[in-house]
Structure formats: C-alpha cells, structure tokens
Amino acid sequence: MSSAEMGAGQQRLDEYVRRVNDIQQRAEETQAQLKALRAHVSSPDRSVAVTMAPGGRLEKLSLKPSAMRMSHDRLAAVITETISRGHAVVAEKMEATMRPLIGDTAAMDFLREQVTAAQQPEEVEDRQQQWQRPRNPNDDEPFGTIYR
C-alpha cells in the first residue's frame, strides 16, 4: 500500500472517529436535556396543577383551595384530565428533544405514536372505566372495605 493510500485511509478513519465522537456528544447532551425536561400543566380553572417528568411520571400534584370545593368525582376527573394533558405535553417535549438526534426514523415514529396516544383523552376514560371496580354503596373509604 502506498503512503498516499495510507494517508487517505487515515483521513477516512479520522473523519469516522470525529463523526462518532460528535454523535456521542449529541447523545450525551440529549440525555441531559431529557433528564431535566419537565411539563407544568394546570387545569383550565387553575385549581389543579401537575408537573410531569420524562416518561410520564407524575412528579408533583398541587391543589388550590378552590379544588377542595369540588365534589370528589369532579375533582378526580379534573386531576385525571390534567395528568393526561401533562402526559401529552411531556411526550411532545421529549419528541422535540429527540428529533435532532434521531431524525425521522422508526424510533421517531414510535415517539409520535406515543404523543398521539397521550393526546386522546377518550382512551384514558375507557381505560379508567375498564379498571373501575363496582362501588359498594356502604363504602366510604377510598380503598374499599377491609375484611378481618
């Protein structure tokens, strides 16, 4: 192999290493941005506020005194709706954060599907009804009757 060929090969290798290092740096920056990402969402009347972390983890729930004047069913619905909107916002922020790193790939398509699913509140209501246990009219405790 001639020295010119070796020089060209070394240049290609150096360029490849530089690109890999750039990708690694962008991935580390994106990871740090995702860890710091939060979505702060309030109900329309501002009585309920949530802070959502990446992955849709509820990090904080705040209730104003006006929330306590709602019926328990209405308050539960407002909390659920606010959390659902929080999921959608944090998913959108995650997608925007990831887009520069992964572009329009199958992974981005998956993230978009998650955003779309998070923005469909009727699906949340359907899941809640599916998992709701029959109510015992004598049951005033939030977690049901304890049998001894």
N, C-alpha and C. Protein backbone atom coordinates (compact mmCIF):
# COMPACT_ATOMS: atom_id res chain seq x y z
N MET A 1 0.85 -1.16 0.00
CA MET A 1 0.00 0.00 0.00
C MET A 1 0.90 1.24 0.00
N SER A 2 0.58 2.17 -0.86
CA SER A 2 1.40 3.39 -0.96
C SER A 2 1.12 4.33 0.21
N SER A 3 2.03 5.26 0.41
CA SER A 3 1.84 6.23 1.51
C SER A 3 0.63 7.12 1.24
N ALA A 4 0.32 7.38 -0.03
CA ALA A 4 -0.86 8.19 -0.37
C ALA A 4 -2.13 7.46 0.02
N GLU A 5 -2.16 6.13 -0.26
CA GLU A 5 -3.33 5.32 0.12
C GLU A 5 -3.47 5.26 1.63
N MET A 6 -2.34 5.12 2.33
CA MET A 6 -2.37 5.06 3.79
C MET A 6 -2.84 6.40 4.36
N GLY A 7 -2.40 7.49 3.74
CA GLY A 7 -2.83 8.82 4.19
C GLY A 7 -4.32 9.02 4.00
N ALA A 8 -4.84 8.56 2.84
CA ALA A 8 -6.28 8.67 2.57
C ALA A 8 -7.07 7.80 3.53
N GLY A 9 -6.56 6.62 3.81
CA GLY A 9 -7.22 5.72 4.76
C GLY A 9 -7.25 6.32 6.16
N GLN A 10 -6.14 6.93 6.54
CA GLN A 10 -6.07 7.57 7.87
C GLN A 10 -7.06 8.74 7.94
N GLN A 11 -7.19 9.49 6.84
CA GLN A 11 -8.14 10.61 6.82
C GLN A 11 -9.57 10.10 6.99
N ARG A 12 -9.91 9.01 6.29
CA ARG A 12 -11.26 8.42 6.42
C ARG A 12 -11.49 7.95 7.85
N LEU A 13 -10.51 7.32 8.44
CA LEU A 13 -10.62 6.84 9.81
C LEU A 13 -10.78 8.02 10.78
N ASP A 14 -9.98 9.05 10.59
CA ASP A 14 -10.07 10.24 11.45
C ASP A 14 -11.46 10.89 11.34
N GLU A 15 -11.98 10.98 10.11
CA GLU A 15 -13.31 11.55 9.89
C GLU A 15 -14.38 10.69 10.57
N TYR A 16 -14.26 9.39 10.44
CA TYR A 16 -15.21 8.47 11.08
C TYR A 16 -15.18 8.63 12.61
N VAL A 17 -14.00 8.68 13.19
CA VAL A 17 -13.86 8.85 14.63
C VAL A 17 -14.46 10.19 15.06
N ARG A 18 -14.24 11.24 14.28
CA ARG A 18 -14.81 12.55 14.59
C ARG A 18 -16.33 12.50 14.57
N ARG A 19 -16.91 11.84 13.56
CA ARG A 19 -18.37 11.73 13.47
C ARG A 19 -18.93 10.94 14.64
N VAL A 20 -18.28 9.85 15.00
CA VAL A 20 -18.72 9.04 16.14
C VAL A 20 -18.67 9.86 17.42
N ASN A 21 -17.59 10.62 17.61
CA ASN A 21 -17.47 11.47 18.79
C ASN A 21 -18.56 12.55 18.82
N ASP A 22 -18.87 13.13 17.66
CA ASP A 22 -19.94 14.13 17.58
C ASP A 22 -21.29 13.51 17.96
N ILE A 23 -21.56 12.33 17.44
CA ILE A 23 -22.82 11.64 17.76
C ILE A 23 -22.89 11.33 19.25
N GLN A 24 -21.79 10.88 19.81
CA GLN A 24 -21.76 10.57 21.24
C GLN A 24 -22.00 11.83 22.06
N GLN A 25 -21.39 12.93 21.68
CA GLN A 25 -21.58 14.19 22.41
C GLN A 25 -23.04 14.65 22.33
N ARG A 26 -23.63 14.57 21.12
CA ARG A 26 -25.04 14.95 20.96
C ARG A 26 -25.94 14.04 21.78
N ALA A 27 -25.63 12.76 21.83
CA ALA A 27 -26.43 11.81 22.62
C ALA A 27 -26.35 12.15 24.11
N GLU A 28 -25.16 12.49 24.58
CA GLU A 28 -25.00 12.85 25.99
C GLU A 28 -25.75 14.14 26.31
N GLU A 29 -25.70 15.12 25.40
CA GLU A 29 -26.43 16.37 25.60
C GLU A 29 -27.94 16.12 25.60
N THR A 30 -28.39 15.29 24.70
CA THR A 30 -29.81 14.96 24.64
C THR A 30 -30.25 14.24 25.91
N GLN A 31 -29.43 13.33 26.39
CA GLN A 31 -29.75 12.62 27.63
C GLN A 31 -29.87 13.60 28.79
N ALA A 32 -28.98 14.55 28.89
CA ALA A 32 -29.04 15.56 29.96
C ALA A 32 -30.30 16.42 29.81
N GLN A 33 -30.66 16.78 28.57
CA GLN A 33 -31.87 17.56 28.34
C GLN A 33 -33.12 16.77 28.74
N LEU A 34 -33.13 15.47 28.43
CA LEU A 34 -34.28 14.64 28.80
C LEU A 34 -34.42 14.51 30.31
N LYS A 35 -33.31 14.38 31.01
CA LYS A 35 -33.37 14.28 32.47
C LYS A 35 -33.93 15.55 33.09
N ALA A 36 -33.63 16.69 32.50
CA ALA A 36 -34.07 17.97 33.05
C ALA A 36 -35.47 18.37 32.56
N LEU A 37 -35.98 17.68 31.56
CA LEU A 37 -37.25 18.04 30.94
C LEU A 37 -38.41 17.88 31.91
N ARG A 38 -39.27 18.86 31.98
CA ARG A 38 -40.47 18.81 32.80
C ARG A 38 -41.60 19.48 32.04
N ALA A 39 -42.82 19.04 32.31
CA ALA A 39 -44.00 19.69 31.77
C ALA A 39 -44.85 20.15 32.95
N HIS A 40 -45.18 21.43 32.96
CA HIS A 40 -46.02 22.00 34.01
C HIS A 40 -47.37 22.33 33.37
N VAL A 41 -48.43 21.69 33.86
CA VAL A 41 -49.75 21.84 33.26
C VAL A 41 -50.75 22.12 34.36
N SER A 42 -51.68 23.04 34.08
CA SER A 42 -52.75 23.37 35.03
C SER A 42 -54.10 23.09 34.38
N SER A 43 -55.08 22.84 35.22
CA SER A 43 -56.46 22.70 34.74
C SER A 43 -56.91 24.07 34.24
N PRO A 44 -57.96 24.12 33.41
CA PRO A 44 -58.41 25.41 32.88
C PRO A 44 -58.71 26.45 33.97
N ASP A 45 -59.23 26.01 35.10
CA ASP A 45 -59.54 26.96 36.18
C ASP A 45 -58.37 27.16 37.14
N ARG A 46 -57.24 26.50 36.87
CA ARG A 46 -56.00 26.60 37.65
C ARG A 46 -56.12 26.02 39.06
N SER A 47 -57.16 25.26 39.32
CA SER A 47 -57.33 24.66 40.65
C SER A 47 -56.43 23.44 40.86
N VAL A 48 -56.02 22.82 39.75
CA VAL A 48 -55.17 21.63 39.80
C VAL A 48 -53.97 21.89 38.89
N ALA A 49 -52.78 21.59 39.40
CA ALA A 49 -51.57 21.72 38.59
C ALA A 49 -50.72 20.48 38.79
N VAL A 50 -50.06 20.06 37.72
CA VAL A 50 -49.17 18.90 37.79
C VAL A 50 -47.84 19.24 37.16
N THR A 51 -46.83 18.55 37.62
CA THR A 51 -45.51 18.58 36.99
C THR A 51 -45.20 17.15 36.59
N MET A 52 -44.97 16.97 35.29
CA MET A 52 -44.69 15.65 34.75
C MET A 52 -43.22 15.55 34.36
N ALA A 53 -42.62 14.42 34.68
CA ALA A 53 -41.23 14.15 34.32
C ALA A 53 -41.20 13.28 33.06
N PRO A 54 -40.01 13.11 32.47
CA PRO A 54 -39.92 12.26 31.28
C PRO A 54 -40.49 10.86 31.54
N GLY A 55 -41.10 10.32 30.51
CA GLY A 55 -41.72 9.01 30.65
C GLY A 55 -43.11 9.09 31.24
N GLY A 56 -43.58 10.32 31.53
CA GLY A 56 -44.92 10.49 32.04
C GLY A 56 -45.06 10.30 33.54
N ARG A 57 -43.95 10.32 34.28
CA ARG A 57 -44.02 10.15 35.73
C ARG A 57 -44.56 11.43 36.35
N LEU A 58 -45.59 11.28 37.19
CA LEU A 58 -46.14 12.41 37.92
C LEU A 58 -45.15 12.78 39.02
N GLU A 59 -44.62 13.98 38.93
CA GLU A 59 -43.62 14.43 39.89
C GLU A 59 -44.23 15.28 40.99
N LYS A 60 -45.27 16.05 40.64
CA LYS A 60 -45.88 16.93 41.63
C LYS A 60 -47.35 17.16 41.27
N LEU A 61 -48.18 17.16 42.29
CA LEU A 61 -49.60 17.47 42.14
C LEU A 61 -49.91 18.57 43.13
N SER A 62 -50.47 19.67 42.65
CA SER A 62 -50.82 20.79 43.52
C SER A 62 -52.31 21.07 43.39
N LEU A 63 -52.94 21.31 44.52
CA LEU A 63 -54.36 21.64 44.56
C LEU A 63 -54.53 22.98 45.24
N LYS A 64 -55.30 23.87 44.63
CA LYS A 64 -55.63 25.14 45.26
C LYS A 64 -56.87 24.92 46.12
N PRO A 65 -57.12 25.81 47.06
CA PRO A 65 -58.33 25.66 47.90
C PRO A 65 -59.61 25.51 47.09
N SER A 66 -59.68 26.17 45.93
CA SER A 66 -60.89 26.05 45.10
C SER A 66 -61.13 24.61 44.66
N ALA A 67 -60.08 23.81 44.54
CA ALA A 67 -60.23 22.41 44.14
C ALA A 67 -60.99 21.64 45.22
N MET A 68 -60.80 22.03 46.46
CA MET A 68 -61.43 21.30 47.56
C MET A 68 -62.93 21.58 47.65
N ARG A 69 -63.41 22.57 46.92
CA ARG A 69 -64.84 22.86 46.90
C ARG A 69 -65.58 22.04 45.84
N MET A 70 -64.83 21.31 45.03
CA MET A 70 -65.45 20.44 44.01
C MET A 70 -65.93 19.16 44.68
N SER A 71 -66.86 18.52 44.03
CA SER A 71 -67.25 17.18 44.50
C SER A 71 -66.06 16.26 44.30
N HIS A 72 -66.03 15.16 45.02
CA HIS A 72 -64.90 14.24 44.87
C HIS A 72 -64.83 13.67 43.46
N ASP A 73 -65.98 13.41 42.84
CA ASP A 73 -65.98 12.89 41.47
C ASP A 73 -65.44 13.93 40.49
N ARG A 74 -65.86 15.19 40.66
CA ARG A 74 -65.39 16.25 39.76
C ARG A 74 -63.89 16.48 39.95
N LEU A 75 -63.44 16.50 41.19
CA LEU A 75 -62.02 16.70 41.46
C LEU A 75 -61.19 15.57 40.85
N ALA A 76 -61.66 14.35 41.00
CA ALA A 76 -60.94 13.21 40.40
C ALA A 76 -60.87 13.36 38.89
N ALA A 77 -61.95 13.79 38.27
CA ALA A 77 -61.97 13.97 36.81
C ALA A 77 -61.01 15.08 36.38
N VAL A 78 -60.97 16.20 37.13
CA VAL A 78 -60.08 17.30 36.79
C VAL A 78 -58.62 16.88 36.95
N ILE A 79 -58.33 16.14 38.02
CA ILE A 79 -56.95 15.65 38.23
C ILE A 79 -56.56 14.72 37.09
N THR A 80 -57.43 13.78 36.74
CA THR A 80 -57.15 12.83 35.68
C THR A 80 -56.93 13.53 34.34
N GLU A 81 -57.79 14.50 34.04
CA GLU A 81 -57.67 15.24 32.78
C GLU A 81 -56.36 16.05 32.74
N THR A 82 -56.01 16.66 33.86
CA THR A 82 -54.79 17.47 33.92
C THR A 82 -53.56 16.58 33.77
N ILE A 83 -53.56 15.43 34.40
CA ILE A 83 -52.44 14.50 34.26
C ILE A 83 -52.35 14.01 32.81
N SER A 84 -53.49 13.73 32.20
CA SER A 84 -53.49 13.28 30.80
C SER A 84 -52.89 14.35 29.90
N ARG A 85 -53.27 15.60 30.11
CA ARG A 85 -52.70 16.70 29.32
C ARG A 85 -51.21 16.83 29.60
N GLY A 86 -50.82 16.61 30.85
CA GLY A 86 -49.40 16.64 31.20
C GLY A 86 -48.61 15.57 30.48
N HIS A 87 -49.19 14.37 30.36
CA HIS A 87 -48.54 13.29 29.61
C HIS A 87 -48.31 13.72 28.17
N ALA A 88 -49.32 14.34 27.57
CA ALA A 88 -49.21 14.76 26.17
C ALA A 88 -48.12 15.82 26.02
N VAL A 89 -48.07 16.79 26.94
CA VAL A 89 -47.07 17.86 26.84
C VAL A 89 -45.67 17.30 27.01
N VAL A 90 -45.47 16.44 28.00
CA VAL A 90 -44.12 15.90 28.21
C VAL A 90 -43.72 15.01 27.03
N ALA A 91 -44.66 14.29 26.45
CA ALA A 91 -44.34 13.47 25.28
C ALA A 91 -43.93 14.34 24.09
N GLU A 92 -44.64 15.47 23.89
CA GLU A 92 -44.28 16.39 22.82
C GLU A 92 -42.89 16.97 23.04
N LYS A 93 -42.58 17.33 24.29
CA LYS A 93 -41.26 17.88 24.60
C LYS A 93 -40.18 16.83 24.39
N MET A 94 -40.47 15.58 24.74
CA MET A 94 -39.49 14.51 24.51
C MET A 94 -39.24 14.33 23.02
N GLU A 95 -40.31 14.37 22.23
CA GLU A 95 -40.16 14.23 20.78
C GLU A 95 -39.31 15.36 20.22
N ALA A 96 -39.58 16.59 20.65
CA ALA A 96 -38.81 17.74 20.15
C ALA A 96 -37.35 17.65 20.57
N THR A 97 -37.09 17.10 21.75
CA THR A 97 -35.72 16.96 22.23
C THR A 97 -34.98 15.87 21.45
N MET A 98 -35.67 14.80 21.12
CA MET A 98 -35.05 13.67 20.44
C MET A 98 -34.88 13.88 18.94
N ARG A 99 -35.73 14.71 18.34
CA ARG A 99 -35.72 14.87 16.88
C ARG A 99 -34.34 15.21 16.31
N PRO A 100 -33.59 16.16 16.90
CA PRO A 100 -32.28 16.46 16.31
C PRO A 100 -31.31 15.27 16.34
N LEU A 101 -31.48 14.39 17.31
CA LEU A 101 -30.57 13.26 17.43
C LEU A 101 -30.95 12.11 16.51
N ILE A 102 -32.25 11.76 16.47
CA ILE A 102 -32.65 10.56 15.73
C ILE A 102 -33.35 10.85 14.42
N GLY A 103 -33.73 12.11 14.17
CA GLY A 103 -34.34 12.46 12.89
C GLY A 103 -35.65 11.72 12.65
N ASP A 104 -36.00 11.57 11.40
CA ASP A 104 -37.23 10.87 11.02
C ASP A 104 -36.93 9.39 10.80
N THR A 105 -36.92 8.65 11.90
CA THR A 105 -36.61 7.22 11.86
C THR A 105 -37.78 6.45 12.48
N ALA A 106 -37.65 5.14 12.52
CA ALA A 106 -38.68 4.32 13.16
C ALA A 106 -38.81 4.68 14.64
N ALA A 107 -37.70 5.03 15.27
CA ALA A 107 -37.75 5.43 16.68
C ALA A 107 -38.57 6.71 16.83
N MET A 108 -38.42 7.66 15.93
CA MET A 108 -39.21 8.90 15.99
C MET A 108 -40.68 8.60 15.72
N ASP A 109 -40.95 7.69 14.80
CA ASP A 109 -42.34 7.29 14.54
C ASP A 109 -42.98 6.73 15.82
N PHE A 110 -42.23 5.93 16.56
CA PHE A 110 -42.72 5.38 17.82
C PHE A 110 -43.04 6.51 18.80
N LEU A 111 -42.14 7.48 18.92
CA LEU A 111 -42.39 8.61 19.82
C LEU A 111 -43.65 9.38 19.41
N ARG A 112 -43.82 9.58 18.11
CA ARG A 112 -45.01 10.29 17.62
C ARG A 112 -46.28 9.51 17.97
N GLU A 113 -46.23 8.20 17.87
CA GLU A 113 -47.39 7.37 18.24
C GLU A 113 -47.73 7.56 19.71
N GLN A 114 -46.70 7.67 20.55
CA GLN A 114 -46.93 7.88 21.98
C GLN A 114 -47.55 9.24 22.24
N VAL A 115 -47.11 10.25 21.51
CA VAL A 115 -47.69 11.58 21.66
C VAL A 115 -49.15 11.56 21.25
N THR A 116 -49.44 10.93 20.12
CA THR A 116 -50.81 10.85 19.65
C THR A 116 -51.70 10.12 20.65
N ALA A 117 -51.22 9.02 21.18
CA ALA A 117 -51.99 8.26 22.16
C ALA A 117 -52.23 9.08 23.42
N ALA A 118 -51.25 9.85 23.84
CA ALA A 118 -51.37 10.65 25.05
C ALA A 118 -52.35 11.80 24.87
N GLN A 119 -52.61 12.20 23.64
CA GLN A 119 -53.50 13.32 23.37
C GLN A 119 -54.94 12.89 23.14
N GLN A 120 -55.26 11.63 23.36
CA GLN A 120 -56.61 11.15 23.13
C GLN A 120 -57.26 10.81 24.47
N PRO A 121 -57.90 11.80 25.11
CA PRO A 121 -58.45 11.60 26.45
C PRO A 121 -59.55 10.56 26.52
N GLU A 122 -60.27 10.34 25.43
CA GLU A 122 -61.33 9.34 25.49
C GLU A 122 -60.77 7.95 25.75
N GLU A 123 -59.55 7.68 25.29
CA GLU A 123 -58.93 6.40 25.58
C GLU A 123 -58.62 6.27 27.06
N VAL A 124 -58.22 7.37 27.70
CA VAL A 124 -57.95 7.37 29.13
C VAL A 124 -59.23 7.03 29.88
N GLU A 125 -60.36 7.67 29.48
CA GLU A 125 -61.63 7.40 30.14
C GLU A 125 -62.03 5.94 29.97
N ASP A 126 -61.83 5.39 28.76
CA ASP A 126 -62.18 3.99 28.52
C ASP A 126 -61.36 3.08 29.42
N ARG A 127 -60.06 3.35 29.58
CA ARG A 127 -59.21 2.53 30.44
C ARG A 127 -59.65 2.65 31.89
N GLN A 128 -60.02 3.86 32.31
CA GLN A 128 -60.44 4.04 33.70
C GLN A 128 -61.71 3.24 33.97
N GLN A 129 -62.65 3.29 33.07
CA GLN A 129 -63.89 2.54 33.26
C GLN A 129 -63.63 1.04 33.26
N GLN A 130 -62.70 0.60 32.46
CA GLN A 130 -62.36 -0.81 32.38
C GLN A 130 -61.83 -1.32 33.71
N TRP A 131 -61.05 -0.49 34.41
CA TRP A 131 -60.41 -0.92 35.64
C TRP A 131 -61.19 -0.52 36.89
N GLN A 132 -62.26 0.21 36.74
CA GLN A 132 -63.01 0.67 37.90
C GLN A 132 -63.79 -0.50 38.50
N ARG A 133 -63.64 -0.70 39.81
CA ARG A 133 -64.35 -1.79 40.46
C ARG A 133 -65.77 -1.34 40.77
N PRO A 134 -66.70 -2.26 40.89
CA PRO A 134 -68.07 -1.88 41.27
C PRO A 134 -68.04 -1.20 42.64
N ARG A 135 -68.82 -0.15 42.77
CA ARG A 135 -68.85 0.62 44.02
C ARG A 135 -69.81 -0.01 45.00
N ASN A 136 -69.32 -0.18 46.23
CA ASN A 136 -70.15 -0.64 47.33
C ASN A 136 -70.80 0.59 47.95
N PRO A 137 -72.15 0.70 47.98
CA PRO A 137 -72.79 1.91 48.49
C PRO A 137 -72.47 2.17 49.97
N ASN A 138 -72.07 1.16 50.73
CA ASN A 138 -71.73 1.33 52.14
C ASN A 138 -70.25 1.65 52.33
N ASP A 139 -69.56 1.85 51.26
CA ASP A 139 -68.11 2.01 51.30
C ASP A 139 -67.74 3.48 51.19
N ASP A 140 -67.39 4.09 52.30
CA ASP A 140 -66.96 5.48 52.29
C ASP A 140 -65.45 5.60 52.27
N GLU A 141 -64.77 4.50 52.42
CA GLU A 141 -63.31 4.52 52.42
C GLU A 141 -62.80 4.53 50.98
N PRO A 142 -61.74 5.29 50.71
CA PRO A 142 -61.26 5.38 49.33
C PRO A 142 -60.72 4.08 48.77
N PHE A 143 -60.30 3.15 49.60
CA PHE A 143 -59.70 1.92 49.10
C PHE A 143 -60.56 0.70 49.40
N GLY A 144 -61.79 0.93 49.79
CA GLY A 144 -62.69 -0.19 50.00
C GLY A 144 -62.73 -0.66 51.45
N THR A 145 -63.48 -1.68 51.67
CA THR A 145 -63.67 -2.23 52.99
C THR A 145 -62.59 -3.25 53.28
N ILE A 146 -62.08 -3.20 54.50
CA ILE A 146 -61.09 -4.19 54.92
C ILE A 146 -61.83 -5.27 55.67
N TYR A 147 -61.66 -6.51 55.23
CA TYR A 147 -62.31 -7.63 55.87
C TYR A 147 -61.34 -8.29 56.84
N ARG A 148 -61.85 -8.60 58.04
CA ARG A 148 -60.99 -9.25 59.04
C ARG A 148 -61.48 -10.62 59.35
